[in-house]
Amino acid sequence: MPSKSPVQIVKAKYGEKSKLVEALKAVATDDLWLGRENEAKGLAHVSNAKLLRLVATFTTVKEKFGTRAKLVDALLAVEGRAKDTGYQARLEAWPVPRLYDRYLAMSKRQARAKKAAG
């Protein structure tokens, strides 16, 4: 059976795109969101696939970390650079999806290194 398209997923879970946008706005609070969207177009002009990814990412980050600051701290800890203030300042400018992808990649790398060493 072929997988569902983003439009089919949106219709099944949310009914319509505007409800998906509202769900994203509910999850992406000021503690997580960097307002980088085009104000003239808004989130209604973003693709369904991207909106679905954003909702999933923000939901996971909110459940696991709570805020962007805690995600940045966790990423610094995983990378072993907790005291590197310059790197921390650079990470704080990154959007949540990029931070979370980096966190997942570094966590996997750290797990592989532990497995190989021990």
Protein backbone atom coordinates (compact mmCIF):
# COMPACT_ATOMS: atom_id res chain seq x y z
CA MET A 1 0.00 0.00 0.00
CA PRO A 2 1.52 3.36 -0.97
CA SER A 3 2.12 5.93 1.74
CA LYS A 4 -0.19 8.88 2.09
CA SER A 5 0.64 12.23 0.58
CA PRO A 6 1.03 15.27 2.86
CA VAL A 7 -2.38 16.57 1.73
CA GLN A 8 -4.03 13.29 2.70
CA ILE A 9 -2.31 13.33 6.12
CA VAL A 10 -3.42 16.93 6.74
CA LYS A 11 -7.01 16.10 5.81
CA ALA A 12 -7.02 12.97 7.97
CA LYS A 13 -5.44 14.55 11.08
CA TYR A 14 -6.50 18.19 10.94
CA GLY A 15 -9.29 18.45 8.38
CA GLU A 16 -7.83 21.48 6.62
CA LYS A 17 -4.55 23.36 6.34
CA SER A 18 -5.67 26.30 8.48
CA LYS A 19 -6.17 23.95 11.44
CA LEU A 20 -2.66 22.55 10.89
CA VAL A 21 -1.27 26.10 10.95
CA GLU A 22 -3.16 26.76 14.19
CA ALA A 23 -1.77 23.53 15.69
CA LEU A 24 1.76 24.68 14.78
CA LYS A 25 1.17 28.09 16.35
CA ALA A 26 -0.10 26.40 19.52
CA VAL A 27 3.00 24.22 19.82
CA ALA A 28 5.55 26.80 18.66
CA THR A 29 5.41 29.19 21.60
CA ASP A 30 7.79 32.09 22.14
CA ASP A 31 10.07 29.75 24.14
CA LEU A 32 10.71 27.74 20.96
CA TRP A 33 9.90 29.82 17.90
CA LEU A 34 12.17 32.26 16.08
CA GLY A 35 9.90 34.47 13.99
CA ARG A 36 11.56 34.09 10.60
CA GLU A 37 8.56 33.52 8.37
CA ASN A 38 7.66 35.96 5.65
CA GLU A 39 5.09 38.26 7.25
CA ALA A 40 3.45 39.06 3.91
CA LYS A 41 2.76 35.40 3.14
CA GLY A 42 2.65 33.81 6.60
CA LEU A 43 2.52 30.13 7.42
CA ALA A 44 -0.50 29.51 5.19
CA HIS A 45 1.81 29.54 2.16
CA VAL A 46 4.23 26.96 3.55
CA SER A 47 3.97 23.44 2.12
CA ASN A 48 1.94 20.81 3.94
CA ALA A 49 4.96 18.52 4.26
CA LYS A 50 7.05 21.22 5.91
CA LEU A 51 4.23 22.17 8.28
CA LEU A 52 3.79 18.52 9.30
CA ARG A 53 7.55 18.22 9.95
CA LEU A 54 7.52 21.43 11.98
CA VAL A 55 4.60 20.29 14.13
CA ALA A 56 6.29 16.94 14.79
CA THR A 57 9.66 18.56 15.60
CA PHE A 58 8.24 21.27 17.87
CA THR A 59 6.04 18.75 19.70
CA THR A 60 9.01 16.46 20.35
CA VAL A 61 11.29 19.29 21.46
CA LYS A 62 8.63 20.75 23.73
CA GLU A 63 8.03 17.35 25.38
CA LYS A 64 11.71 16.44 25.72
CA PHE A 65 13.33 19.80 26.51
CA GLY A 66 10.62 22.40 27.11
CA THR A 67 12.45 25.42 25.67
CA ARG A 68 15.05 26.34 23.03
CA ALA A 69 17.50 27.29 25.79
CA LYS A 70 17.35 23.80 27.29
CA LEU A 71 17.79 22.26 23.84
CA VAL A 72 20.88 24.43 23.27
CA ASP A 73 22.24 23.40 26.69
CA ALA A 74 21.64 19.71 25.91
CA LEU A 75 23.37 20.07 22.54
CA LEU A 76 26.37 21.77 24.16
CA ALA A 77 26.55 18.97 26.74
CA VAL A 78 26.39 16.23 24.09
CA GLU A 79 29.15 17.94 22.11
CA GLY A 80 31.25 18.50 25.24
CA ARG A 81 31.33 22.27 24.72
CA ALA A 82 29.23 23.43 27.66
CA LYS A 83 31.62 26.28 28.53
CA ASP A 84 32.11 27.56 24.97
CA THR A 85 30.12 30.81 25.11
CA GLY A 86 30.91 31.83 21.54
CA TYR A 87 29.58 28.55 20.18
CA GLN A 88 26.55 28.85 22.44
CA ALA A 89 25.78 32.31 21.08
CA ARG A 90 26.00 30.96 17.53
CA LEU A 91 23.69 28.04 18.36
CA GLU A 92 21.11 30.38 19.90
CA ALA A 93 20.60 31.97 16.48
CA TRP A 94 19.71 28.59 14.91
CA PRO A 95 16.05 27.58 14.47
CA VAL A 96 14.68 24.68 16.52
CA PRO A 97 14.56 22.11 13.67
CA ARG A 98 18.25 22.68 12.89
CA LEU A 99 19.18 22.48 16.58
CA TYR A 100 17.20 19.28 17.06
CA ASP A 101 18.69 17.64 13.95
CA ARG A 102 22.17 18.51 15.23
CA TYR A 103 21.29 17.14 18.67
CA LEU A 104 20.08 13.84 17.19
CA ALA A 105 23.17 13.51 14.98
CA MET A 106 25.57 14.19 17.84
CA SER A 107 23.69 11.83 20.17
CA LYS A 108 24.00 9.03 17.60
CA ARG A 109 27.67 9.79 17.09
CA GLN A 110 28.29 9.75 20.83
CA ALA A 111 26.43 6.43 21.22
CA ARG A 112 28.48 4.85 18.42
CA ALA A 113 31.71 6.08 20.01
CA LYS A 114 30.74 4.59 23.38
CA LYS A 115 29.79 1.30 21.75
CA ALA A 116 33.09 1.12 19.87
CA ALA A 117 35.11 2.00 22.97
CA GLY A 118 33.34 -0.30 25.38
